[in-house]
Amino acid sequence: MINKKESFLYRKAQISVFIILAILIAIVLIVFFVNRGGLTSIIGGESPISQIEKCMQDNVKEGLGILSSQGGDLEPKNYYLYQNDKVAYLCYTEEYYKPCVMQKPLLKQSIEDELKNYLEPTMNRCLESVKSSFERKGYSLTYKNPEITVQIIPENIVINSNVQLTVSKENTESYQNIKTSISSSMYGFIMTSSSISNWEARYGDSETLAYMLYYPSLKVEKKIRSDGSRIYILTDRNSLEQFKFAIRSMAFPSGITGN
C-alpha cells in the first residue's frame, strides 16, 4: 500500500516530467520559427526567408528549364542545333564507323555545378529585392555574399544557401542558412542519360524500349539526324518534365546505313 509520502513524491515526479517535456517542446518551436523563418516572423508578416525561398524556387525552375533543353549545359560549346535548342553532346565522335567518347562522365556533378553557377547571381538579386522591400517598411537588413550548394537527389533538387542574414527594427532576427527544395525528375534523367551514353560509347547505339519497359513512367525518344547524330528526349509521363541530349556514335557517311 502506497503511503502519503510516496504518493506525494510520485505526483511530484510526474509534474517534473511534464514540465521538462513542455520546456523541450517550447525550445524546438522557437528554434524552428526563429532559425528557419517559418511562414511568419516575430517581426510581423511574412518572414524574409519565406520571400527569398519563393524567389529562389522560381529561379531554380528557370535554370532547370535551360539545362534540360541543352543537355545540362548553360552555354554548350559542342552541340547539335535541334528546334532552336543548342543540345549538348554527352558522347561524341566526329569520325565515321567509330563509337563515341564520353564528354561528361560525371554528369550529375556537372549539372549541379552549372545550376550553382546560374543561381549565384540570381540569389543576390533575390536578396536585394527582399532587402529593398523591408527597408521600405523601416527595417534594416544585412547579409553576406551567399555561398550556395546544389544537390540533385531522387525526386528533388535541394539548394542550401549560407547568407548570415539579419533583420532589425524593434526586434532582431538572424538567419544562418536558407534551404530551398523543389520536386524534379532530374536525378532520374541523369541516371538514364548516363546509361544511354555508356551504351553508345561501348556499342555504338542503345535500345530505348528497354528503358521504358523498366521505367513505365519514362518516355524515351531517339531522333536520328542526317549527320549521324541522335537527339534523345526523356520525358516524365507524370510531370511532363523533359531532358534533351545529343550523341554522335557509329555514324555512317551519307547514303550508307548501319545494320
Protein backbone atom coordinates (compact mmCIF):
# COMPACT_ATOMS: atom_id res chain seq x y z
CA MET A 1 0.00 0.00 0.00
CA ILE A 2 1.37 3.42 -1.03
CA ASN A 3 1.64 5.87 1.90
CA LYS A 4 1.01 9.60 1.64
CA LYS A 5 4.69 10.45 1.36
CA GLU A 6 5.27 8.02 -1.53
CA SER A 7 2.12 9.27 -3.28
CA PHE A 8 3.30 12.88 -2.96
CA LEU A 9 6.74 12.03 -4.36
CA TYR A 10 5.16 10.10 -7.26
CA ARG A 11 2.91 13.06 -8.19
CA LYS A 12 5.85 15.43 -7.91
CA ALA A 13 7.93 13.26 -10.25
CA GLN A 14 5.08 13.22 -12.80
CA ILE A 15 4.77 17.01 -12.68
CA SER A 16 8.53 17.37 -13.17
CA VAL A 17 8.41 15.15 -16.27
CA PHE A 18 5.56 17.21 -17.78
CA ILE A 19 7.42 20.46 -17.08
CA ILE A 20 10.58 19.15 -18.76
CA LEU A 21 8.57 17.98 -21.81
CA ALA A 22 6.85 21.37 -22.09
CA ILE A 23 10.21 23.18 -21.97
CA LEU A 24 11.68 20.90 -24.66
CA ILE A 25 8.68 21.43 -26.95
CA ALA A 26 8.92 25.20 -26.49
CA ILE A 27 12.64 25.15 -27.35
CA VAL A 28 12.02 23.11 -30.50
CA LEU A 29 9.29 25.52 -31.66
CA ILE A 30 11.45 28.58 -31.01
CA VAL A 31 14.41 27.10 -32.91
CA PHE A 32 12.18 26.14 -35.84
CA PHE A 33 10.47 29.50 -36.27
CA VAL A 34 13.46 31.73 -35.49
CA ASN A 35 16.20 29.88 -37.41
CA ARG A 36 14.17 28.77 -40.39
CA GLY A 37 11.89 31.75 -40.60
CA GLY A 38 8.68 29.70 -40.95
CA LEU A 39 5.66 31.19 -42.69
CA THR A 40 5.52 34.13 -40.30
CA SER A 41 8.12 36.08 -38.39
CA ILE A 42 8.16 37.62 -34.90
CA ILE A 43 8.97 40.87 -36.72
CA GLY A 44 5.49 40.72 -38.22
CA GLY A 45 4.10 39.49 -41.52
CA GLU A 46 5.86 37.18 -43.93
CA SER A 47 9.47 36.46 -42.99
CA PRO A 48 12.33 37.45 -45.33
CA ILE A 49 13.29 33.77 -45.59
CA SER A 50 9.87 32.84 -46.99
CA GLN A 51 10.17 35.59 -49.61
CA ILE A 52 13.69 34.56 -50.58
CA GLU A 53 12.65 30.90 -50.85
CA LYS A 54 9.83 31.78 -53.24
CA CYS A 55 12.18 33.84 -55.37
CA MET A 56 14.77 31.06 -55.41
CA GLN A 57 12.23 28.39 -56.35
CA ASP A 58 11.29 30.41 -59.43
CA ASN A 59 14.96 30.79 -60.36
CA VAL A 60 15.68 27.07 -59.86
CA LYS A 61 12.82 26.19 -62.21
CA GLU A 62 14.07 28.71 -64.77
CA GLY A 63 17.63 27.37 -64.58
CA LEU A 64 16.42 23.78 -64.86
CA GLY A 65 14.43 24.69 -67.95
CA ILE A 66 17.58 25.95 -69.69
CA LEU A 67 19.72 22.99 -68.61
CA SER A 68 17.06 20.44 -69.54
CA SER A 69 16.75 21.75 -73.10
CA GLN A 70 20.54 21.99 -73.65
CA GLY A 71 21.88 18.66 -72.41
CA GLY A 72 22.82 20.01 -68.98
CA ASP A 73 24.90 22.96 -70.26
CA LEU A 74 24.18 26.65 -69.77
CA GLU A 75 26.37 27.57 -72.75
CA PRO A 76 27.05 24.45 -74.86
CA LYS A 77 30.18 24.51 -76.99
CA ASN A 78 29.83 21.13 -78.72
CA TYR A 79 26.16 20.80 -79.61
CA TYR A 80 23.55 19.93 -82.21
CA LEU A 81 21.02 22.64 -83.02
CA TYR A 82 17.62 20.97 -82.65
CA GLN A 83 14.42 23.04 -82.87
CA ASN A 84 16.41 26.17 -81.94
CA ASP A 85 17.91 24.48 -78.85
CA LYS A 86 21.67 24.01 -78.56
CA VAL A 87 21.58 20.40 -77.38
CA ALA A 88 24.97 19.42 -75.94
CA TYR A 89 26.63 16.13 -76.90
CA LEU A 90 27.09 13.81 -73.92
CA CYS A 91 29.00 11.33 -76.08
CA TYR A 92 30.65 12.33 -79.37
CA THR A 93 32.96 11.39 -82.21
CA GLU A 94 33.46 13.32 -85.42
CA GLU A 95 34.68 10.19 -87.21
CA TYR A 96 32.62 7.61 -89.09
CA TYR A 97 32.27 3.94 -88.05
CA LYS A 98 33.58 4.59 -84.53
CA PRO A 99 31.80 4.65 -81.17
CA CYS A 100 31.64 7.94 -79.33
CA VAL A 101 33.76 9.20 -76.45
CA MET A 102 32.03 10.26 -73.22
CA GLN A 103 32.05 14.04 -72.88
CA LYS A 104 30.68 14.22 -69.33
CA PRO A 105 31.42 11.07 -67.34
CA LEU A 106 30.42 12.93 -64.15
CA LEU A 107 27.13 14.27 -65.48
CA LYS A 108 25.40 14.73 -62.12
CA GLN A 109 28.25 16.81 -60.70
CA SER A 110 28.46 18.81 -63.92
CA ILE A 111 24.75 19.73 -63.84
CA GLU A 112 24.94 20.59 -60.12
CA ASP A 113 27.85 22.94 -60.88
CA GLU A 114 26.01 24.51 -63.82
CA LEU A 115 22.88 25.10 -61.73
CA LYS A 116 25.00 26.61 -58.96
CA ASN A 117 26.62 28.99 -61.47
CA TYR A 118 23.15 30.02 -62.65
CA LEU A 119 21.76 30.53 -59.14
CA GLU A 120 24.56 32.55 -57.55
CA PRO A 121 23.78 35.86 -59.33
CA THR A 122 20.01 35.26 -59.12
CA MET A 123 20.30 34.64 -55.37
CA ASN A 124 21.92 38.06 -54.99
CA ARG A 125 19.03 39.61 -56.92
CA CYS A 126 16.53 37.86 -54.61
CA LEU A 127 18.36 39.17 -51.55
CA GLU A 128 18.50 42.71 -52.91
CA SER A 129 14.79 42.65 -53.75
CA VAL A 130 13.85 41.47 -50.24
CA LYS A 131 16.23 43.97 -48.67
CA SER A 132 14.61 46.85 -50.56
CA SER A 133 11.14 45.61 -49.60
CA PHE A 134 12.00 45.50 -45.88
CA GLU A 135 13.86 48.80 -45.91
CA ARG A 136 10.73 50.50 -47.30
CA LYS A 137 8.97 49.25 -44.15
CA GLY A 138 11.61 50.79 -41.90
CA TYR A 139 13.70 47.65 -41.26
CA SER A 140 17.46 47.26 -41.53
CA LEU A 141 18.54 44.12 -43.40
CA THR A 142 22.11 42.91 -43.88
CA TYR A 143 23.58 39.72 -45.36
CA LYS A 144 26.87 38.29 -46.57
CA ASN A 145 27.64 37.23 -50.11
CA PRO A 146 25.79 33.89 -50.33
CA GLU A 147 27.60 30.56 -50.57
CA ILE A 148 25.42 28.09 -52.47
CA THR A 149 25.49 24.30 -52.67
CA VAL A 150 23.28 22.27 -55.02
CA GLN A 151 22.27 18.64 -54.50
CA ILE A 152 20.34 16.64 -57.07
CA ILE A 153 18.67 13.74 -55.28
CA PRO A 154 15.86 11.35 -56.26
CA GLU A 155 12.67 13.35 -56.93
CA ASN A 156 14.15 16.61 -55.60
CA ILE A 157 16.73 19.33 -56.00
CA VAL A 158 17.97 20.88 -52.75
CA ILE A 159 19.64 24.30 -52.59
CA ASN A 160 21.47 25.34 -49.42
CA SER A 161 22.50 29.00 -49.14
CA ASN A 162 24.70 30.36 -46.37
CA VAL A 163 23.67 34.03 -46.14
CA GLN A 164 24.03 35.08 -42.48
CA LEU A 165 21.06 37.41 -42.85
CA THR A 166 19.96 39.80 -40.08
CA VAL A 167 16.76 41.87 -39.91
CA SER A 168 16.42 44.63 -37.31
CA LYS A 169 13.90 47.20 -36.19
CA GLU A 170 12.39 46.99 -32.70
CA ASN A 171 13.48 43.35 -32.65
CA THR A 172 16.28 41.50 -34.38
CA GLU A 173 16.18 38.19 -36.20
CA SER A 174 19.15 36.29 -37.60
CA TYR A 175 19.20 33.52 -40.19
CA GLN A 176 22.27 31.45 -40.96
CA ASN A 177 21.08 29.28 -43.85
CA ILE A 178 18.26 29.19 -46.37
CA LYS A 179 17.21 25.77 -47.66
CA THR A 180 15.16 25.60 -50.84
CA SER A 181 13.91 22.43 -52.48
CA ILE A 182 11.71 21.67 -55.47
CA SER A 183 10.34 18.46 -56.93
CA SER A 184 12.19 17.36 -60.04
CA SER A 185 12.83 14.29 -62.18
CA MET A 186 16.36 15.48 -62.97
CA TYR A 187 18.08 12.75 -60.91
CA GLY A 188 16.31 10.02 -62.90
CA PHE A 189 17.07 11.81 -66.18
CA ILE A 190 20.76 11.96 -65.27
CA MET A 191 20.92 8.26 -64.44
CA THR A 192 19.16 7.29 -67.69
CA SER A 193 21.22 9.71 -69.82
CA SER A 194 24.45 8.36 -68.33
CA SER A 195 23.36 4.78 -69.00
CA ILE A 196 22.43 5.55 -72.63
CA SER A 197 25.72 7.38 -73.15
CA ASN A 198 27.65 4.40 -71.80
CA TRP A 199 25.85 2.04 -74.17
CA GLU A 200 26.55 4.39 -77.09
CA ALA A 201 30.24 4.63 -76.13
CA ARG A 202 30.55 0.86 -75.80
CA TYR A 203 28.30 -0.49 -78.57
CA GLY A 204 27.53 2.49 -80.80
CA ASP A 205 23.78 2.54 -80.05
CA SER A 206 21.17 1.95 -77.34
CA GLU A 207 17.72 0.39 -77.11
CA THR A 208 15.15 2.91 -75.93
CA LEU A 209 12.37 0.35 -75.42
CA ALA A 210 14.33 -1.39 -72.66
CA TYR A 211 14.33 1.78 -70.56
CA MET A 212 10.60 2.33 -71.00
CA LEU A 213 9.83 -1.28 -70.04
CA TYR A 214 11.94 -0.95 -66.91
CA TYR A 215 10.68 2.57 -66.07
CA PRO A 216 6.99 2.76 -67.18
CA SER A 217 6.71 6.43 -66.17
CA LEU A 218 9.60 7.34 -68.50
CA LYS A 219 9.26 8.07 -72.21
CA VAL A 220 12.47 7.83 -74.27
CA GLU A 221 12.59 9.16 -77.82
CA LYS A 222 15.52 8.91 -80.23
CA LYS A 223 15.58 11.34 -83.17
CA ILE A 224 18.14 10.31 -85.83
CA ARG A 225 19.62 13.22 -87.78
CA SER A 226 21.19 13.26 -91.25
CA ASP A 227 24.78 13.64 -90.00
CA GLY A 228 24.50 10.55 -87.78
CA SER A 229 23.72 12.48 -84.61
CA ARG A 230 20.94 11.26 -82.34
CA ILE A 231 18.80 13.52 -80.18
CA TYR A 232 17.45 11.77 -77.12
CA ILE A 233 14.39 13.23 -75.42
CA LEU A 234 13.48 11.90 -71.98
CA THR A 235 10.01 12.74 -70.66
CA ASP A 236 8.47 12.03 -67.27
CA ARG A 237 4.96 10.91 -68.18
CA ASN A 238 3.58 12.17 -64.86
CA SER A 239 5.17 15.63 -64.52
CA LEU A 240 5.85 16.13 -68.27
CA GLU A 241 9.38 17.30 -67.40
CA GLN A 242 11.90 16.72 -70.20
CA PHE A 243 15.63 16.37 -70.68
CA LYS A 244 17.33 16.50 -74.08
CA PHE A 245 20.86 15.49 -75.03
CA ALA A 246 22.77 14.66 -78.21
CA ILE A 247 25.02 11.76 -79.16
CA ARG A 248 27.05 11.01 -82.30
CA SER A 249 28.31 7.45 -82.34
CA MET A 250 28.92 4.85 -85.08
CA ALA A 251 27.86 7.37 -87.70
CA PHE A 252 27.84 6.42 -91.36
CA PRO A 253 28.55 8.58 -94.43
CA SER A 254 25.55 9.93 -96.32
CA GLY A 255 23.86 7.16 -98.34
CA ILE A 256 25.19 4.34 -96.16
CA THR A 257 23.13 2.91 -93.32
CA GLY A 258 24.09 0.60 -90.49
CA ASN A 259 22.73 -2.88 -89.92
